[in-house]
Amino acid sequence: MLSTINIGNILFLDIETVPHWENFDAMPEEFQQLWAHKAALLSNGTQSAEEIYERTGIYAEFGKIVCISVAFVHQETLKVKSFFGDDEKKLLRDFADMLHKYFSKEQHVLCAHNGKEFDYPYIARRMVVHGVELPRLLDIAGRKPWEIKLLDTMELWKFGDYKSYTSLALLSALFGIPSSKDDISGADVAKVYWQEKNLARIVTYCQKDVISIVQIFLKFQNKEVIPDDKIFYS
């Protein structure tokens, strides 16, 4: 079935998230209490809320998106664009506007790695928090399973297996695709954002991730990857 999917109808994406506040002490008191409760559950009481504070970035209730990189294949080239900044509401609105304008038809599909567990719900939740209208592709409440146009390269790789998690880095290595982790990894993003104040470095990392997702999908379709000289950024 993968071979029948028109890759030109797919918008590939990846997001980078960080804690909403620089550190635990900067959190409003109400959120400190709420995070302390969640931290106790996450660590079975073995670590304090401060000790695992950086993990707030993976939860939409305590984190925020600082970059969404997207890519789409057009006439054997790959177009890459990023929405990024400290103003999460603006980058989400800009991303939503792009989806409304260019990816709102019935045949359009989103694709991410571990997107169903992370990227898609995180984006949708943060849009709801900021009052940004959900684009059709993310507004899935009440839809039948076959009406939901969300692909996930990690899920595709499972081939029905429910036990395993396969990282983007591992699939990239398996298929001989250059790793996006040659500079930083997901574990470094919060530090790079809050301590180094280097958002450009995060954007570059996010773009490499989304390019890897595209190349892996092409491998799934038994097609050649897109060479670097055919990748364009805007």
Protein backbone atom coordinates (compact mmCIF):
# COMPACT_ATOMS: atom_id res chain seq x y z
CA MET A 1 0.00 0.00 0.00
CA LEU A 2 2.88 2.40 0.68
CA SER A 3 3.85 2.34 -2.98
CA THR A 4 0.42 3.69 -3.94
CA ILE A 5 0.71 6.81 -1.80
CA ASN A 6 1.50 9.94 -3.81
CA ILE A 7 4.36 11.49 -1.88
CA GLY A 8 3.49 14.87 -3.40
CA ASN A 9 0.36 14.94 -1.24
CA ILE A 10 2.31 14.52 2.00
CA LEU A 11 3.53 17.30 4.26
CA PHE A 12 6.33 15.95 6.45
CA LEU A 13 6.95 17.64 9.78
CA ASP A 14 8.99 17.62 12.96
CA ILE A 15 8.76 19.76 16.07
CA GLU A 16 11.15 20.83 18.80
CA THR A 17 9.81 21.59 22.26
CA VAL A 18 11.26 23.05 25.45
CA PRO A 19 10.09 23.72 29.02
CA HIS A 20 7.73 26.69 29.06
CA TRP A 21 9.75 28.33 31.82
CA GLU A 22 13.54 28.47 32.15
CA ASN A 23 13.60 26.59 35.45
CA PHE A 24 11.37 25.28 38.21
CA ASP A 25 11.63 28.48 40.26
CA ALA A 26 10.36 30.52 37.30
CA MET A 27 7.11 28.51 37.13
CA PRO A 28 3.99 30.10 38.62
CA GLU A 29 3.23 28.53 42.00
CA GLU A 30 0.14 26.73 40.69
CA PHE A 31 2.16 25.06 37.98
CA GLN A 32 4.93 24.19 40.44
CA GLN A 33 2.40 22.25 42.47
CA LEU A 34 0.92 20.58 39.40
CA TRP A 35 4.35 19.61 38.08
CA ALA A 36 5.42 18.33 41.51
CA HIS A 37 2.40 16.01 41.48
CA LYS A 38 3.19 14.76 37.97
CA ALA A 39 6.91 14.42 38.74
CA ALA A 40 6.12 12.22 41.72
CA LEU A 41 4.12 9.92 39.46
CA LEU A 42 6.77 9.88 36.74
CA SER A 43 9.63 9.01 39.09
CA ASN A 44 7.66 6.95 41.62
CA GLY A 45 8.69 9.50 44.19
CA THR A 46 12.42 8.93 43.67
CA GLN A 47 13.19 12.36 42.18
CA SER A 48 12.02 15.86 42.96
CA ALA A 49 10.15 18.14 40.58
CA GLU A 50 13.30 20.25 40.26
CA GLU A 51 15.50 17.26 39.41
CA ILE A 52 13.40 16.23 36.42
CA TYR A 53 12.29 19.71 35.43
CA GLU A 54 13.74 19.47 31.90
CA ARG A 55 11.22 16.72 31.17
CA THR A 56 8.45 19.34 31.25
CA GLY A 57 9.31 20.10 27.63
CA ILE A 58 7.78 16.85 26.37
CA TYR A 59 4.38 17.61 27.92
CA ALA A 60 2.12 20.09 26.14
CA GLU A 61 0.71 21.28 29.49
CA PHE A 62 4.13 22.39 30.74
CA GLY A 63 6.17 22.94 27.57
CA LYS A 64 6.05 24.92 24.37
CA ILE A 65 6.98 24.53 20.71
CA VAL A 66 9.91 26.61 19.49
CA CYS A 67 10.22 25.16 15.98
CA ILE A 68 8.10 23.32 13.44
CA SER A 69 9.99 22.25 10.33
CA VAL A 70 8.04 21.02 7.32
CA ALA A 71 9.06 19.50 4.00
CA PHE A 72 7.30 18.41 0.83
CA VAL A 73 8.43 16.75 -2.37
CA HIS A 74 7.85 18.66 -5.58
CA GLN A 75 9.12 17.52 -8.98
CA GLU A 76 12.00 15.47 -7.57
CA THR A 77 13.09 18.28 -5.26
CA LEU A 78 12.52 18.72 -1.54
CA LYS A 79 11.25 22.04 -0.20
CA VAL A 80 11.95 22.74 3.48
CA LYS A 81 10.49 25.54 5.60
CA SER A 82 10.58 26.24 9.33
CA PHE A 83 8.28 28.14 11.65
CA PHE A 84 10.19 29.17 14.74
CA GLY A 85 10.54 31.79 17.44
CA ASP A 86 9.97 32.63 21.07
CA ASP A 87 6.36 33.61 20.33
CA GLU A 88 4.69 30.21 20.21
CA LYS A 89 1.26 31.58 19.34
CA LYS A 90 2.64 33.35 16.26
CA LEU A 91 4.54 30.34 14.94
CA LEU A 92 1.47 28.13 15.47
CA ARG A 93 -0.76 30.62 13.70
CA ASP A 94 1.67 30.88 10.79
CA PHE A 95 1.87 27.09 10.57
CA ALA A 96 -1.92 26.79 10.70
CA ASP A 97 -2.32 29.45 8.01
CA MET A 98 0.03 27.48 5.76
CA LEU A 99 -2.01 24.30 6.28
CA HIS A 100 -5.30 26.13 5.64
CA LYS A 101 -3.92 27.61 2.43
CA TYR A 102 -1.90 24.77 0.90
CA PHE A 103 -2.77 21.49 2.68
CA SER A 104 -6.51 21.44 3.22
CA LYS A 105 -7.70 19.13 0.44
CA GLU A 106 -9.02 15.62 0.91
CA GLN A 107 -5.91 13.99 -0.55
CA HIS A 108 -3.47 15.80 1.73
CA VAL A 109 -1.68 13.91 4.50
CA LEU A 110 0.73 14.71 7.34
CA CYS A 111 3.69 12.49 8.18
CA ALA A 112 6.01 12.57 11.21
CA HIS A 113 8.13 10.09 13.16
CA ASN A 114 6.30 9.09 16.35
CA GLY A 115 3.87 11.78 15.27
CA LYS A 116 0.76 10.07 16.57
CA GLU A 117 2.21 9.88 20.08
CA PHE A 118 3.96 13.23 20.12
CA ASP A 119 4.00 15.79 17.30
CA TYR A 120 0.34 15.81 16.24
CA PRO A 121 -1.26 15.91 19.70
CA TYR A 122 1.35 18.37 20.99
CA ILE A 123 0.69 20.81 18.14
CA ALA A 124 -3.08 20.45 18.48
CA ARG A 125 -3.03 20.94 22.25
CA ARG A 126 -0.86 24.04 22.04
CA MET A 127 -3.14 25.45 19.32
CA VAL A 128 -6.14 24.96 21.59
CA VAL A 129 -4.29 26.67 24.47
CA HIS A 130 -3.58 29.70 22.28
CA GLY A 131 -6.98 29.83 20.60
CA VAL A 132 -5.60 28.99 17.15
CA GLU A 133 -8.16 27.33 14.88
CA LEU A 134 -7.26 23.70 14.26
CA PRO A 135 -6.48 22.95 10.60
CA ARG A 136 -8.56 20.18 9.01
CA LEU A 137 -5.73 17.65 9.18
CA LEU A 138 -5.42 18.05 12.96
CA ASP A 139 -9.11 18.47 13.76
CA ILE A 140 -9.76 14.74 14.12
CA ALA A 141 -12.39 14.58 16.89
CA GLY A 142 -15.31 12.36 15.86
CA ARG A 143 -13.70 11.20 12.63
CA LYS A 144 -13.64 7.59 11.55
CA PRO A 145 -10.17 5.98 11.51
CA TRP A 146 -9.97 5.94 7.72
CA GLU A 147 -10.80 9.65 7.61
CA ILE A 148 -7.75 10.60 9.66
CA LYS A 149 -4.88 11.58 7.34
CA LEU A 150 -1.94 11.23 9.72
CA LEU A 151 1.00 8.99 8.83
CA ASP A 152 3.74 7.97 11.24
CA THR A 153 7.03 6.47 10.02
CA MET A 154 7.59 4.77 13.37
CA GLU A 155 4.16 3.12 13.18
CA LEU A 156 4.76 2.13 9.54
CA TRP A 157 8.01 0.46 10.55
CA LYS A 158 6.22 -1.62 13.19
CA PHE A 159 4.27 -3.59 10.57
CA GLY A 160 1.71 -4.46 13.22
CA ASP A 161 4.21 -4.98 16.06
CA TYR A 162 3.01 -3.23 19.23
CA LYS A 163 6.08 -3.84 21.38
CA SER A 164 8.89 -1.80 19.97
CA TYR A 165 9.97 1.83 19.74
CA THR A 166 12.37 2.56 16.91
CA SER A 167 14.12 5.93 16.92
CA LEU A 168 14.59 8.14 13.91
CA ALA A 169 18.36 7.87 14.45
CA LEU A 170 18.23 4.08 14.30
CA LEU A 171 16.18 4.01 11.09
CA SER A 172 18.50 6.59 9.55
CA ALA A 173 21.51 4.43 10.37
CA LEU A 174 19.76 1.33 9.07
CA PHE A 175 19.06 2.94 5.69
CA GLY A 176 22.40 4.74 5.42
CA ILE A 177 20.84 8.20 5.78
CA PRO A 178 23.04 10.89 7.41
CA SER A 179 22.06 11.36 11.04
CA SER A 180 20.45 14.58 12.24
CA LYS A 181 22.16 14.03 15.61
CA ASP A 182 25.61 15.12 14.39
CA ASP A 183 25.42 18.33 16.43
CA ILE A 184 22.77 18.04 19.14
CA SER A 185 20.08 15.56 20.12
CA GLY A 186 16.60 16.03 21.52
CA ALA A 187 18.00 15.90 25.04
CA ASP A 188 20.08 19.03 24.34
CA VAL A 189 17.32 21.25 22.95
CA ALA A 190 16.18 22.75 26.27
CA LYS A 191 19.73 23.71 27.23
CA VAL A 192 20.48 25.15 23.79
CA TYR A 193 17.29 27.23 23.95
CA TRP A 194 17.32 28.48 27.54
CA GLN A 195 21.04 28.62 28.35
CA GLU A 196 22.75 29.18 25.01
CA LYS A 197 19.87 31.22 23.54
CA ASN A 198 20.73 29.61 20.19
CA LEU A 199 17.43 29.07 18.42
CA ALA A 200 19.14 28.89 15.01
CA ARG A 201 20.97 25.75 16.12
CA ILE A 202 17.65 24.16 17.08
CA VAL A 203 16.09 25.08 13.74
CA THR A 204 18.96 23.44 11.87
CA TYR A 205 18.54 20.29 13.95
CA CYS A 206 14.77 20.25 13.37
CA GLN A 207 15.26 20.66 9.61
CA LYS A 208 17.69 17.74 9.54
CA ASP A 209 15.11 15.61 11.35
CA VAL A 210 12.33 16.35 8.89
CA ILE A 211 14.63 15.67 5.95
CA SER A 212 15.49 12.29 7.51
CA ILE A 213 11.79 11.48 7.78
CA VAL A 214 11.29 12.20 4.08
CA GLN A 215 14.27 10.05 3.08
CA ILE A 216 13.10 7.16 5.28
CA PHE A 217 9.64 7.34 3.75
CA LEU A 218 11.19 7.16 0.29
CA LYS A 219 13.09 4.06 1.41
CA PHE A 220 9.79 2.58 2.57
CA GLN A 221 8.52 3.14 -0.98
CA ASN A 222 11.67 1.50 -2.39
CA LYS A 223 12.71 4.76 -4.03
CA GLU A 224 15.96 6.69 -4.18
CA VAL A 225 16.56 9.37 -1.58
CA ILE A 226 16.68 13.01 -2.60
CA PRO A 227 20.28 14.29 -3.02
CA ASP A 228 21.46 17.33 -1.09
CA ASP A 229 21.61 19.48 -4.22
CA LYS A 230 17.88 18.94 -4.71
CA ILE A 231 16.95 20.15 -1.21
CA PHE A 232 15.90 23.80 -1.00
CA TYR A 233 15.14 25.96 2.04
CA SER A 234 12.79 28.90 2.33
